[in-house]
N, C-alpha and C. Protein backbone atom coordinates (compact mmCIF):
# COMPACT_ATOMS: atom_id res chain seq x y z
N UNK A 1 58.74 -140.62 -10.35
CA UNK A 1 57.91 -140.16 -9.26
C UNK A 1 58.80 -139.91 -8.03
N UNK A 2 58.53 -138.86 -7.29
CA UNK A 2 59.31 -138.50 -6.11
C UNK A 2 58.36 -138.38 -4.91
N UNK A 3 58.73 -138.98 -3.81
CA UNK A 3 57.99 -138.86 -2.58
C UNK A 3 58.84 -138.07 -1.58
N UNK A 4 58.26 -137.03 -0.99
CA UNK A 4 58.97 -136.20 -0.02
C UNK A 4 58.25 -136.28 1.31
N UNK A 5 59.03 -136.44 2.39
CA UNK A 5 58.44 -136.49 3.71
C UNK A 5 59.43 -135.98 4.74
N UNK A 6 58.97 -135.27 5.76
CA UNK A 6 59.88 -134.77 6.81
C UNK A 6 60.33 -135.83 7.79
N UNK A 7 59.78 -137.05 7.69
CA UNK A 7 60.14 -138.11 8.63
C UNK A 7 60.12 -139.47 7.93
N UNK A 8 60.81 -140.43 8.53
CA UNK A 8 60.83 -141.79 7.98
C UNK A 8 59.43 -142.42 8.07
N UNK A 9 58.75 -142.22 9.16
CA UNK A 9 57.40 -142.78 9.31
C UNK A 9 56.45 -142.24 8.26
N UNK A 10 56.57 -140.97 7.96
CA UNK A 10 55.73 -140.37 6.93
C UNK A 10 56.06 -140.93 5.56
N UNK A 11 57.35 -141.15 5.28
CA UNK A 11 57.74 -141.74 4.02
C UNK A 11 57.24 -143.15 3.88
N UNK A 12 57.26 -143.91 4.96
CA UNK A 12 56.76 -145.27 4.94
C UNK A 12 55.27 -145.32 4.64
N UNK A 13 54.52 -144.36 5.17
CA UNK A 13 53.09 -144.31 4.88
C UNK A 13 52.84 -143.97 3.40
N UNK A 14 53.64 -143.07 2.87
CA UNK A 14 53.48 -142.75 1.44
C UNK A 14 53.82 -143.94 0.55
N UNK A 15 54.86 -144.69 0.93
CA UNK A 15 55.22 -145.88 0.17
C UNK A 15 54.11 -146.92 0.25
N UNK A 16 53.50 -147.04 1.45
CA UNK A 16 52.39 -148.00 1.60
C UNK A 16 51.21 -147.65 0.72
N UNK A 17 50.93 -146.36 0.58
CA UNK A 17 49.83 -145.91 -0.29
C UNK A 17 50.15 -146.27 -1.75
N UNK A 18 51.39 -146.09 -2.13
CA UNK A 18 51.82 -146.46 -3.50
C UNK A 18 51.70 -147.95 -3.74
N UNK A 19 52.04 -148.76 -2.71
CA UNK A 19 51.93 -150.20 -2.84
C UNK A 19 50.48 -150.63 -3.05
N UNK A 20 49.59 -150.04 -2.28
CA UNK A 20 48.17 -150.38 -2.43
C UNK A 20 47.62 -149.96 -3.78
N UNK A 21 48.03 -148.78 -4.24
CA UNK A 21 47.60 -148.33 -5.56
C UNK A 21 48.10 -149.28 -6.67
N UNK A 22 49.37 -149.68 -6.58
CA UNK A 22 49.92 -150.58 -7.56
C UNK A 22 49.20 -151.91 -7.58
N UNK A 23 48.86 -152.41 -6.37
CA UNK A 23 48.17 -153.68 -6.25
C UNK A 23 46.75 -153.59 -6.86
N UNK A 24 46.06 -152.49 -6.61
CA UNK A 24 44.69 -152.35 -7.12
C UNK A 24 44.65 -152.16 -8.63
N UNK A 25 45.72 -151.66 -9.22
CA UNK A 25 45.71 -151.34 -10.64
C UNK A 25 46.64 -152.25 -11.47
N UNK A 26 47.08 -153.32 -10.86
CA UNK A 26 47.91 -154.28 -11.58
C UNK A 26 49.28 -153.75 -11.96
N UNK A 27 49.85 -152.87 -11.17
CA UNK A 27 51.16 -152.31 -11.47
C UNK A 27 52.25 -152.94 -10.59
N UNK A 28 53.48 -152.75 -10.96
CA UNK A 28 54.59 -153.28 -10.17
C UNK A 28 55.75 -152.30 -10.25
N UNK A 29 56.29 -151.94 -9.08
CA UNK A 29 57.43 -151.03 -9.02
C UNK A 29 58.73 -151.78 -9.20
N UNK A 30 59.69 -151.11 -9.84
CA UNK A 30 61.02 -151.67 -10.01
C UNK A 30 61.85 -151.32 -8.79
N UNK A 31 62.04 -152.26 -7.90
CA UNK A 31 62.73 -152.00 -6.64
C UNK A 31 64.20 -151.64 -6.90
N UNK A 32 64.79 -152.20 -7.94
CA UNK A 32 66.23 -151.96 -8.23
C UNK A 32 66.47 -150.51 -8.63
N UNK A 33 65.46 -149.85 -9.18
CA UNK A 33 65.63 -148.48 -9.65
C UNK A 33 65.05 -147.45 -8.64
N UNK A 34 64.58 -147.96 -7.50
CA UNK A 34 64.01 -147.11 -6.48
C UNK A 34 65.00 -146.92 -5.35
N UNK A 35 65.28 -145.69 -5.00
CA UNK A 35 66.27 -145.37 -3.96
C UNK A 35 65.70 -144.35 -2.98
N UNK A 36 66.39 -144.19 -1.86
CA UNK A 36 66.02 -143.18 -0.88
C UNK A 36 67.21 -142.24 -0.68
N UNK A 37 66.90 -141.01 -0.29
CA UNK A 37 67.94 -140.01 0.00
C UNK A 37 67.49 -139.21 1.17
N UNK A 38 68.43 -138.89 2.07
CA UNK A 38 68.11 -138.16 3.28
C UNK A 38 68.74 -136.78 3.21
N UNK A 39 67.92 -135.74 3.33
CA UNK A 39 68.42 -134.37 3.41
C UNK A 39 68.46 -133.99 4.88
N UNK A 40 69.65 -133.93 5.43
CA UNK A 40 69.80 -133.71 6.86
C UNK A 40 69.57 -132.26 7.26
N UNK A 41 69.04 -132.09 8.48
CA UNK A 41 68.89 -130.76 9.06
C UNK A 41 70.02 -130.60 10.06
N UNK A 42 71.03 -129.79 9.73
CA UNK A 42 72.19 -129.73 10.58
C UNK A 42 73.01 -130.99 10.49
N UNK A 43 73.44 -131.51 11.61
CA UNK A 43 74.18 -132.78 11.60
C UNK A 43 73.26 -133.96 11.40
N UNK A 44 72.00 -133.81 11.82
CA UNK A 44 71.00 -134.87 11.58
C UNK A 44 71.28 -136.12 12.40
N UNK A 45 70.38 -137.09 12.35
CA UNK A 45 70.54 -138.33 13.11
C UNK A 45 71.67 -139.18 12.53
N UNK A 46 72.35 -139.90 13.41
CA UNK A 46 73.44 -140.80 12.96
C UNK A 46 72.88 -142.09 12.37
N UNK A 47 71.80 -142.61 12.98
CA UNK A 47 71.21 -143.86 12.52
C UNK A 47 69.85 -143.54 11.88
N UNK A 48 69.66 -144.00 10.67
CA UNK A 48 68.41 -143.73 9.94
C UNK A 48 67.78 -145.07 9.58
N UNK A 49 66.56 -145.32 10.04
CA UNK A 49 65.87 -146.57 9.72
C UNK A 49 65.66 -146.73 8.21
N UNK A 50 65.59 -147.97 7.77
CA UNK A 50 65.42 -148.24 6.36
C UNK A 50 63.97 -148.11 5.91
N UNK A 51 63.78 -148.01 4.62
CA UNK A 51 62.43 -147.95 4.02
C UNK A 51 62.30 -149.14 3.08
N UNK A 52 61.13 -149.81 3.16
CA UNK A 52 60.94 -151.03 2.40
C UNK A 52 59.84 -150.78 1.35
N UNK A 53 60.07 -151.42 0.20
CA UNK A 53 59.08 -151.41 -0.89
C UNK A 53 58.83 -152.84 -1.32
N UNK A 54 57.61 -153.33 -1.14
CA UNK A 54 57.22 -154.70 -1.46
C UNK A 54 58.15 -155.70 -0.74
N UNK A 55 58.49 -155.35 0.51
CA UNK A 55 59.33 -156.24 1.33
C UNK A 55 60.81 -156.16 1.07
N UNK A 56 61.22 -155.29 0.17
CA UNK A 56 62.65 -155.13 -0.15
C UNK A 56 63.18 -153.81 0.39
N UNK A 57 64.34 -153.89 1.04
CA UNK A 57 64.96 -152.70 1.60
C UNK A 57 65.50 -151.82 0.47
N UNK A 58 65.07 -150.56 0.45
CA UNK A 58 65.52 -149.65 -0.60
C UNK A 58 66.91 -149.13 -0.33
N UNK A 59 67.69 -149.04 -1.38
CA UNK A 59 69.07 -148.54 -1.27
C UNK A 59 69.06 -147.05 -0.94
N UNK A 60 69.90 -146.65 -0.01
CA UNK A 60 70.04 -145.24 0.28
C UNK A 60 71.30 -144.70 -0.44
N UNK A 61 71.12 -143.59 -1.14
CA UNK A 61 72.20 -143.01 -1.93
C UNK A 61 72.52 -141.61 -1.49
N UNK A 62 73.72 -141.14 -1.82
CA UNK A 62 74.11 -139.77 -1.48
C UNK A 62 73.93 -138.85 -2.65
N UNK A 63 73.81 -139.39 -3.87
CA UNK A 63 73.58 -138.58 -5.05
C UNK A 63 72.68 -139.36 -5.99
N UNK A 64 71.86 -138.61 -6.77
CA UNK A 64 70.96 -139.27 -7.71
C UNK A 64 70.68 -138.32 -8.86
N UNK A 65 70.59 -138.87 -10.05
CA UNK A 65 70.31 -138.05 -11.22
C UNK A 65 68.84 -138.18 -11.57
N UNK A 66 68.09 -137.09 -11.37
CA UNK A 66 66.66 -137.10 -11.64
C UNK A 66 66.32 -136.09 -12.71
N UNK A 67 65.73 -136.54 -13.79
CA UNK A 67 65.36 -135.70 -14.93
C UNK A 67 66.58 -134.94 -15.44
N UNK A 68 67.75 -135.61 -15.39
CA UNK A 68 68.96 -134.98 -15.92
C UNK A 68 69.67 -134.10 -14.93
N UNK A 69 69.05 -133.80 -13.77
CA UNK A 69 69.65 -132.90 -12.78
C UNK A 69 70.23 -133.75 -11.64
N UNK A 70 71.49 -133.50 -11.27
CA UNK A 70 72.15 -134.25 -10.21
C UNK A 70 71.75 -133.68 -8.85
N UNK A 71 71.10 -134.52 -8.03
CA UNK A 71 70.69 -134.12 -6.71
C UNK A 71 71.59 -134.80 -5.70
N UNK A 72 72.15 -134.05 -4.74
CA UNK A 72 73.04 -134.63 -3.74
C UNK A 72 72.42 -134.52 -2.35
N UNK A 73 72.93 -135.31 -1.44
CA UNK A 73 72.40 -135.35 -0.09
C UNK A 73 72.51 -134.03 0.65
N UNK A 74 73.58 -133.28 0.36
CA UNK A 74 73.79 -132.00 1.02
C UNK A 74 73.22 -130.83 0.22
N UNK A 75 72.49 -131.11 -0.87
CA UNK A 75 71.86 -130.11 -1.73
C UNK A 75 72.87 -129.17 -2.35
N UNK A 76 74.11 -129.67 -2.56
CA UNK A 76 75.14 -128.86 -3.19
C UNK A 76 75.04 -129.05 -4.72
N UNK A 77 75.22 -127.97 -5.44
CA UNK A 77 75.06 -128.01 -6.89
C UNK A 77 76.35 -128.15 -7.68
N UNK A 78 77.46 -128.36 -6.99
CA UNK A 78 78.76 -128.47 -7.70
C UNK A 78 78.78 -129.61 -8.71
N UNK A 79 78.21 -130.75 -8.34
CA UNK A 79 78.24 -131.90 -9.23
C UNK A 79 77.38 -131.64 -10.48
N UNK A 80 76.25 -130.99 -10.29
CA UNK A 80 75.40 -130.72 -11.45
C UNK A 80 76.04 -129.68 -12.35
N UNK A 81 76.73 -128.72 -11.79
CA UNK A 81 77.44 -127.72 -12.59
C UNK A 81 78.55 -128.41 -13.40
N UNK A 82 79.26 -129.34 -12.77
CA UNK A 82 80.29 -130.06 -13.48
C UNK A 82 79.70 -130.92 -14.61
N UNK A 83 78.53 -131.50 -14.34
CA UNK A 83 77.85 -132.28 -15.42
C UNK A 83 77.58 -131.40 -16.61
N UNK A 84 77.06 -130.20 -16.35
CA UNK A 84 76.73 -129.32 -17.47
C UNK A 84 78.01 -128.78 -18.15
N UNK A 85 79.07 -128.57 -17.37
CA UNK A 85 80.32 -128.12 -17.97
C UNK A 85 80.87 -129.16 -18.96
N UNK A 86 80.80 -130.41 -18.57
CA UNK A 86 81.28 -131.48 -19.46
C UNK A 86 80.41 -131.60 -20.71
N UNK A 87 79.10 -131.46 -20.50
CA UNK A 87 78.19 -131.52 -21.64
C UNK A 87 78.44 -130.37 -22.62
N UNK A 88 78.72 -129.20 -22.08
CA UNK A 88 79.06 -128.03 -22.91
C UNK A 88 80.33 -128.27 -23.68
N UNK A 89 81.33 -128.87 -23.06
CA UNK A 89 82.58 -129.18 -23.72
C UNK A 89 82.38 -130.14 -24.90
N UNK A 90 81.53 -131.14 -24.70
CA UNK A 90 81.24 -132.10 -25.77
C UNK A 90 80.56 -131.40 -26.94
N UNK A 91 79.57 -130.57 -26.65
CA UNK A 91 78.84 -129.88 -27.73
C UNK A 91 79.77 -128.93 -28.51
N UNK A 92 80.62 -128.24 -27.76
CA UNK A 92 81.56 -127.30 -28.40
C UNK A 92 82.52 -128.01 -29.31
N UNK A 93 83.11 -129.10 -28.84
CA UNK A 93 84.05 -129.87 -29.67
C UNK A 93 83.41 -130.42 -30.92
N UNK A 94 82.13 -130.84 -30.78
CA UNK A 94 81.39 -131.36 -31.93
C UNK A 94 81.20 -130.26 -32.98
N UNK A 95 80.82 -129.07 -32.53
CA UNK A 95 80.61 -127.96 -33.46
C UNK A 95 81.94 -127.55 -34.13
N UNK A 96 82.98 -127.46 -33.32
CA UNK A 96 84.29 -127.02 -33.89
C UNK A 96 84.81 -128.03 -34.91
N UNK A 97 84.55 -129.29 -34.69
CA UNK A 97 85.05 -130.33 -35.60
C UNK A 97 84.22 -130.41 -36.88
N UNK A 98 82.90 -130.35 -36.76
CA UNK A 98 82.04 -130.55 -37.93
C UNK A 98 81.83 -129.30 -38.78
N UNK A 99 81.94 -128.14 -38.15
CA UNK A 99 81.59 -126.90 -38.88
C UNK A 99 82.76 -125.94 -38.93
N UNK A 100 83.97 -126.47 -38.97
CA UNK A 100 85.17 -125.62 -38.96
C UNK A 100 85.26 -124.69 -40.15
N UNK A 101 84.73 -125.09 -41.29
CA UNK A 101 84.85 -124.32 -42.53
C UNK A 101 83.66 -123.44 -42.82
N UNK A 102 82.72 -123.37 -41.89
CA UNK A 102 81.50 -122.55 -42.11
C UNK A 102 81.85 -121.07 -41.86
N UNK A 103 80.94 -120.21 -42.31
CA UNK A 103 81.12 -118.78 -42.10
C UNK A 103 80.89 -118.41 -40.63
N UNK A 104 81.32 -117.19 -40.27
CA UNK A 104 81.16 -116.75 -38.88
C UNK A 104 79.69 -116.68 -38.50
N UNK A 105 78.85 -116.20 -39.43
CA UNK A 105 77.42 -116.10 -39.15
C UNK A 105 76.82 -117.44 -38.84
N UNK A 106 77.20 -118.46 -39.59
CA UNK A 106 76.69 -119.82 -39.35
C UNK A 106 77.17 -120.34 -38.00
N UNK A 107 78.42 -120.09 -37.70
CA UNK A 107 78.99 -120.54 -36.44
C UNK A 107 78.29 -119.89 -35.25
N UNK A 108 78.02 -118.60 -35.37
CA UNK A 108 77.31 -117.90 -34.27
C UNK A 108 75.92 -118.47 -34.08
N UNK A 109 75.22 -118.76 -35.19
CA UNK A 109 73.89 -119.36 -35.11
C UNK A 109 73.94 -120.73 -34.44
N UNK A 110 74.94 -121.52 -34.80
CA UNK A 110 75.10 -122.85 -34.19
C UNK A 110 75.45 -122.73 -32.70
N UNK A 111 76.30 -121.76 -32.37
CA UNK A 111 76.65 -121.55 -30.97
C UNK A 111 75.43 -121.19 -30.14
N UNK A 112 74.60 -120.29 -30.69
CA UNK A 112 73.39 -119.92 -29.96
C UNK A 112 72.44 -121.11 -29.76
N UNK A 113 72.41 -121.99 -30.74
CA UNK A 113 71.51 -123.12 -30.67
C UNK A 113 71.97 -124.22 -29.71
N UNK A 114 73.29 -124.42 -29.63
CA UNK A 114 73.81 -125.57 -28.89
C UNK A 114 74.51 -125.24 -27.59
N UNK A 115 74.93 -124.01 -27.40
CA UNK A 115 75.81 -123.70 -26.26
C UNK A 115 75.21 -122.70 -25.26
N UNK A 116 74.02 -122.19 -25.52
CA UNK A 116 73.42 -121.22 -24.61
C UNK A 116 72.46 -121.83 -23.64
N UNK A 117 72.26 -123.13 -23.73
CA UNK A 117 71.30 -123.79 -22.85
C UNK A 117 72.02 -124.50 -21.69
N UNK A 118 72.06 -123.85 -20.54
CA UNK A 118 72.64 -124.46 -19.34
C UNK A 118 71.49 -125.13 -18.61
N UNK A 119 71.32 -126.42 -18.83
CA UNK A 119 70.17 -127.16 -18.31
C UNK A 119 70.07 -127.03 -16.78
N UNK A 120 68.92 -126.57 -16.29
CA UNK A 120 68.57 -126.44 -14.88
C UNK A 120 69.49 -125.45 -14.15
N UNK A 121 70.11 -124.50 -14.86
CA UNK A 121 71.01 -123.57 -14.21
C UNK A 121 70.27 -122.65 -13.24
N UNK A 122 68.96 -122.44 -13.46
CA UNK A 122 68.21 -121.58 -12.55
C UNK A 122 68.06 -122.19 -11.16
N UNK A 123 68.35 -123.50 -11.06
CA UNK A 123 68.27 -124.18 -9.76
C UNK A 123 69.61 -124.21 -9.03
N UNK A 124 70.65 -123.65 -9.63
CA UNK A 124 71.96 -123.63 -8.95
C UNK A 124 71.97 -122.52 -7.92
N UNK A 125 71.88 -122.88 -6.66
CA UNK A 125 71.84 -121.88 -5.61
C UNK A 125 72.89 -122.10 -4.53
N UNK A 126 73.49 -123.32 -4.50
CA UNK A 126 74.49 -123.64 -3.49
C UNK A 126 75.69 -124.25 -4.18
N UNK A 127 76.74 -123.45 -4.36
CA UNK A 127 77.90 -123.92 -5.09
C UNK A 127 79.12 -123.11 -4.67
N UNK A 128 80.29 -123.59 -5.04
CA UNK A 128 81.53 -122.88 -4.77
C UNK A 128 81.86 -121.95 -5.92
N UNK A 129 82.63 -120.92 -5.62
CA UNK A 129 83.04 -119.99 -6.67
C UNK A 129 83.88 -120.70 -7.72
N UNK A 130 84.65 -121.68 -7.32
CA UNK A 130 85.48 -122.42 -8.28
C UNK A 130 84.61 -123.17 -9.26
N UNK A 131 83.54 -123.80 -8.80
CA UNK A 131 82.68 -124.59 -9.70
C UNK A 131 82.02 -123.70 -10.76
N UNK A 132 81.51 -122.55 -10.34
CA UNK A 132 80.81 -121.66 -11.27
C UNK A 132 81.82 -121.00 -12.21
N UNK A 133 83.04 -120.73 -11.73
CA UNK A 133 84.05 -120.15 -12.61
C UNK A 133 84.50 -121.15 -13.68
N UNK A 134 84.54 -122.43 -13.31
CA UNK A 134 84.97 -123.45 -14.27
C UNK A 134 84.05 -123.50 -15.47
N UNK A 135 82.72 -123.44 -15.23
CA UNK A 135 81.79 -123.50 -16.36
C UNK A 135 81.76 -122.18 -17.13
N UNK A 136 82.00 -121.09 -16.42
CA UNK A 136 82.07 -119.79 -17.11
C UNK A 136 83.28 -119.77 -18.09
N UNK A 137 84.41 -120.23 -17.60
CA UNK A 137 85.60 -120.28 -18.44
C UNK A 137 85.40 -121.27 -19.61
N UNK A 138 84.72 -122.38 -19.35
CA UNK A 138 84.43 -123.34 -20.40
C UNK A 138 83.55 -122.71 -21.49
N UNK A 139 82.58 -121.92 -21.07
CA UNK A 139 81.68 -121.27 -22.01
C UNK A 139 82.47 -120.27 -22.87
N UNK A 140 83.32 -119.47 -22.23
CA UNK A 140 84.13 -118.50 -22.99
C UNK A 140 85.07 -119.20 -23.97
N UNK A 141 85.74 -120.24 -23.48
CA UNK A 141 86.65 -120.97 -24.37
C UNK A 141 85.93 -121.70 -25.50
N UNK A 142 84.72 -122.13 -25.22
CA UNK A 142 83.93 -122.81 -26.28
C UNK A 142 83.75 -121.87 -27.49
N UNK A 143 83.43 -120.60 -27.19
CA UNK A 143 83.23 -119.65 -28.28
C UNK A 143 84.55 -119.36 -28.98
N UNK A 144 85.63 -119.23 -28.21
CA UNK A 144 86.94 -118.94 -28.81
C UNK A 144 87.37 -120.10 -29.75
N UNK A 145 87.15 -121.34 -29.29
CA UNK A 145 87.52 -122.47 -30.08
C UNK A 145 86.74 -122.54 -31.38
N UNK A 146 85.43 -122.34 -31.29
CA UNK A 146 84.58 -122.39 -32.47
C UNK A 146 84.91 -121.31 -33.48
N UNK A 147 85.21 -120.11 -32.95
CA UNK A 147 85.48 -118.97 -33.85
C UNK A 147 86.97 -118.80 -34.14
N UNK A 148 87.80 -119.68 -33.59
CA UNK A 148 89.25 -119.65 -33.78
C UNK A 148 89.85 -118.30 -33.35
N UNK A 149 89.47 -117.88 -32.14
CA UNK A 149 89.97 -116.62 -31.59
C UNK A 149 91.15 -116.89 -30.66
N UNK A 150 91.98 -115.90 -30.36
CA UNK A 150 93.11 -116.09 -29.45
C UNK A 150 92.62 -116.49 -28.06
N UNK A 151 93.44 -117.27 -27.38
CA UNK A 151 93.07 -117.82 -26.07
C UNK A 151 92.76 -116.74 -25.05
N UNK A 152 93.47 -115.63 -25.08
CA UNK A 152 93.31 -114.60 -24.06
C UNK A 152 92.64 -113.34 -24.57
N UNK A 153 91.87 -113.42 -25.61
CA UNK A 153 91.13 -112.25 -26.07
C UNK A 153 90.00 -111.93 -25.11
N UNK A 154 89.54 -110.70 -25.14
CA UNK A 154 88.50 -110.24 -24.21
C UNK A 154 87.19 -110.97 -24.43
N UNK A 155 86.68 -111.62 -23.37
CA UNK A 155 85.42 -112.35 -23.47
C UNK A 155 84.24 -111.40 -23.69
N UNK A 156 84.22 -110.32 -22.90
CA UNK A 156 83.10 -109.36 -23.05
C UNK A 156 83.11 -108.73 -24.41
N UNK A 157 84.31 -108.45 -24.95
CA UNK A 157 84.40 -107.83 -26.26
C UNK A 157 83.96 -108.75 -27.39
N UNK A 158 84.36 -110.01 -27.33
CA UNK A 158 83.99 -110.94 -28.42
C UNK A 158 82.50 -111.23 -28.42
N UNK A 159 81.89 -111.30 -27.24
CA UNK A 159 80.44 -111.55 -27.18
C UNK A 159 79.67 -110.33 -27.64
N UNK A 160 80.16 -109.13 -27.27
CA UNK A 160 79.47 -107.91 -27.69
C UNK A 160 79.54 -107.74 -29.21
N UNK A 161 80.67 -108.08 -29.80
CA UNK A 161 80.81 -107.95 -31.25
C UNK A 161 79.85 -108.90 -31.98
N UNK A 162 79.63 -110.08 -31.42
CA UNK A 162 78.78 -111.07 -32.09
C UNK A 162 77.33 -111.00 -31.61
N UNK A 163 77.06 -110.10 -30.65
CA UNK A 163 75.72 -109.98 -30.08
C UNK A 163 75.23 -111.31 -29.47
N UNK A 164 76.16 -111.92 -28.77
CA UNK A 164 75.86 -113.19 -28.08
C UNK A 164 75.90 -112.90 -26.57
N UNK A 165 74.96 -113.35 -25.81
CA UNK A 165 74.96 -113.11 -24.36
C UNK A 165 76.15 -113.80 -23.67
N UNK A 166 76.73 -113.12 -22.68
CA UNK A 166 77.80 -113.77 -21.94
C UNK A 166 77.23 -114.71 -20.88
N UNK A 167 78.08 -115.35 -20.12
CA UNK A 167 77.63 -116.37 -19.15
C UNK A 167 76.65 -115.79 -18.13
N UNK A 168 76.98 -114.64 -17.58
CA UNK A 168 76.13 -114.05 -16.54
C UNK A 168 74.77 -113.60 -17.09
N UNK A 169 74.74 -113.14 -18.30
CA UNK A 169 73.49 -112.74 -18.93
C UNK A 169 72.56 -113.94 -19.12
N UNK A 170 73.13 -115.07 -19.48
CA UNK A 170 72.33 -116.30 -19.66
C UNK A 170 71.72 -116.72 -18.34
N UNK A 171 72.53 -116.73 -17.28
CA UNK A 171 72.03 -117.16 -15.99
C UNK A 171 70.89 -116.25 -15.51
N UNK A 172 71.07 -114.94 -15.67
CA UNK A 172 70.04 -114.00 -15.23
C UNK A 172 68.77 -114.18 -16.03
N UNK A 173 68.90 -114.39 -17.32
CA UNK A 173 67.73 -114.57 -18.20
C UNK A 173 66.97 -115.84 -17.81
N UNK A 174 67.70 -116.93 -17.58
CA UNK A 174 67.04 -118.18 -17.23
C UNK A 174 66.33 -118.08 -15.89
N UNK A 175 66.94 -117.38 -14.93
CA UNK A 175 66.32 -117.20 -13.62
C UNK A 175 65.03 -116.37 -13.76
N UNK A 176 65.11 -115.28 -14.52
CA UNK A 176 63.94 -114.40 -14.69
C UNK A 176 62.80 -115.13 -15.36
N UNK A 177 63.08 -115.89 -16.40
CA UNK A 177 62.06 -116.65 -17.10
C UNK A 177 61.43 -117.71 -16.22
N UNK A 178 62.29 -118.39 -15.46
CA UNK A 178 61.77 -119.45 -14.57
C UNK A 178 60.91 -118.85 -13.46
N UNK A 179 61.35 -117.74 -12.92
CA UNK A 179 60.58 -117.08 -11.83
C UNK A 179 59.22 -116.62 -12.38
N UNK A 180 59.19 -116.11 -13.59
CA UNK A 180 57.93 -115.67 -14.20
C UNK A 180 56.99 -116.87 -14.37
N UNK A 181 57.52 -117.99 -14.80
CA UNK A 181 56.70 -119.17 -15.00
C UNK A 181 56.16 -119.71 -13.66
N UNK A 182 56.95 -119.59 -12.60
CA UNK A 182 56.48 -120.00 -11.30
C UNK A 182 55.32 -119.13 -10.84
N UNK A 183 55.46 -117.83 -10.98
CA UNK A 183 54.40 -116.92 -10.56
C UNK A 183 53.14 -117.03 -11.39
N UNK A 184 53.28 -117.49 -12.64
CA UNK A 184 52.14 -117.63 -13.52
C UNK A 184 51.48 -119.01 -13.43
N UNK A 185 52.11 -119.90 -12.65
CA UNK A 185 51.60 -121.27 -12.58
C UNK A 185 50.30 -121.31 -11.76
N UNK A 186 49.45 -122.30 -12.09
CA UNK A 186 48.21 -122.51 -11.35
C UNK A 186 48.40 -123.51 -10.19
N UNK A 187 49.63 -124.04 -10.08
CA UNK A 187 49.95 -124.97 -8.99
C UNK A 187 50.19 -124.17 -7.72
N UNK A 188 49.44 -124.47 -6.66
CA UNK A 188 49.53 -123.70 -5.41
C UNK A 188 50.90 -123.80 -4.78
N UNK A 189 51.53 -124.95 -4.86
CA UNK A 189 52.86 -125.13 -4.27
C UNK A 189 53.89 -124.24 -4.97
N UNK A 190 53.83 -124.21 -6.29
CA UNK A 190 54.77 -123.38 -7.03
C UNK A 190 54.54 -121.90 -6.82
N UNK A 191 53.30 -121.46 -6.78
CA UNK A 191 53.02 -120.04 -6.57
C UNK A 191 53.43 -119.62 -5.15
N UNK A 192 53.25 -120.51 -4.18
CA UNK A 192 53.66 -120.22 -2.81
C UNK A 192 55.15 -120.05 -2.72
N UNK A 193 55.88 -120.93 -3.42
CA UNK A 193 57.34 -120.82 -3.46
C UNK A 193 57.76 -119.51 -4.11
N UNK A 194 57.10 -119.13 -5.18
CA UNK A 194 57.48 -117.93 -5.92
C UNK A 194 57.23 -116.67 -5.12
N UNK A 195 56.25 -116.71 -4.22
CA UNK A 195 55.89 -115.53 -3.42
C UNK A 195 56.53 -115.53 -2.03
N UNK A 196 57.35 -116.52 -1.74
CA UNK A 196 58.00 -116.62 -0.42
C UNK A 196 59.29 -115.76 -0.45
N UNK A 197 59.17 -114.53 0.02
CA UNK A 197 60.28 -113.58 -0.09
C UNK A 197 61.45 -113.91 0.82
N UNK A 198 61.25 -114.69 1.88
CA UNK A 198 62.35 -115.05 2.78
C UNK A 198 62.97 -116.39 2.43
N UNK A 199 62.59 -116.96 1.28
CA UNK A 199 63.13 -118.24 0.83
C UNK A 199 64.59 -118.02 0.38
N UNK A 200 65.45 -118.99 0.68
CA UNK A 200 66.87 -118.88 0.30
C UNK A 200 67.04 -118.84 -1.21
N UNK A 201 66.19 -119.57 -1.93
CA UNK A 201 66.26 -119.60 -3.39
C UNK A 201 65.96 -118.20 -3.95
N UNK A 202 64.90 -117.57 -3.42
CA UNK A 202 64.52 -116.24 -3.87
C UNK A 202 65.63 -115.23 -3.57
N UNK A 203 66.24 -115.33 -2.39
CA UNK A 203 67.33 -114.42 -2.04
C UNK A 203 68.51 -114.58 -2.98
N UNK A 204 68.79 -115.83 -3.38
CA UNK A 204 69.90 -116.06 -4.30
C UNK A 204 69.57 -115.46 -5.66
N UNK A 205 68.34 -115.64 -6.14
CA UNK A 205 67.95 -115.10 -7.43
C UNK A 205 68.09 -113.57 -7.44
N UNK A 206 67.69 -112.91 -6.33
CA UNK A 206 67.85 -111.46 -6.27
C UNK A 206 69.31 -111.06 -6.28
N UNK A 207 70.14 -111.78 -5.56
CA UNK A 207 71.59 -111.47 -5.50
C UNK A 207 72.21 -111.59 -6.87
N UNK A 208 71.79 -112.55 -7.66
CA UNK A 208 72.36 -112.75 -9.01
C UNK A 208 72.06 -111.53 -9.88
N UNK A 209 70.89 -110.93 -9.72
CA UNK A 209 70.53 -109.76 -10.52
C UNK A 209 71.11 -108.47 -9.96
N UNK A 210 71.29 -108.39 -8.64
CA UNK A 210 71.71 -107.14 -8.04
C UNK A 210 73.23 -106.97 -7.98
N UNK A 211 73.93 -108.08 -7.74
CA UNK A 211 75.39 -107.99 -7.54
C UNK A 211 76.10 -107.92 -8.93
N UNK A 212 77.25 -107.26 -8.96
CA UNK A 212 78.03 -107.21 -10.20
C UNK A 212 78.62 -108.58 -10.54
N UNK A 213 79.02 -108.74 -11.80
CA UNK A 213 79.61 -110.02 -12.20
C UNK A 213 80.89 -110.26 -11.45
N UNK A 214 80.97 -111.44 -10.81
CA UNK A 214 82.17 -111.80 -10.03
C UNK A 214 82.88 -112.94 -10.73
N UNK A 215 84.12 -112.73 -11.08
CA UNK A 215 84.88 -113.72 -11.81
C UNK A 215 85.89 -114.37 -10.90
């Protein structure tokens, strides 16, 4: 569960509501697994009051992994991109080791199943060019390793020959599918976000589809 509030006082009120609900229904929150995070506006305040749950001061963190996605205090996606890059490397090495003697068709099928899913990549909107290039290179090298291709062979050529989407095609596809699901949702908050044309996330999604591939 996540509680969002524009102020500490508002967050304390939300926590108090949760405490009353837990008391009425015989529930108990795990204070050790409950943390707070502050998303600053500009430089933000230097001193931030604490938030208490059942009389215990909640730990304030700068990064937290929620549903597999790494959230940071500055809303930067570099750490989550690095998480996915490492996960991709593990999956690739596993495929290359276990299925080295399989046919090319089998390897391509396995690559599609295990290496085309960049978890939560549609949420990557604030990152450095170096971070996104690292995972792009990892994706290209993963295919080369699995198929035993030369290190410096053309990435666009090898993907076209195998009819496998390249890195940029995957990102665009995931964004388009996610945006469609947002617009089709019956949740008012999600539909409002999807229709907010001046939103920074929407502007980034448009730029990904409009701008040429930048390596």
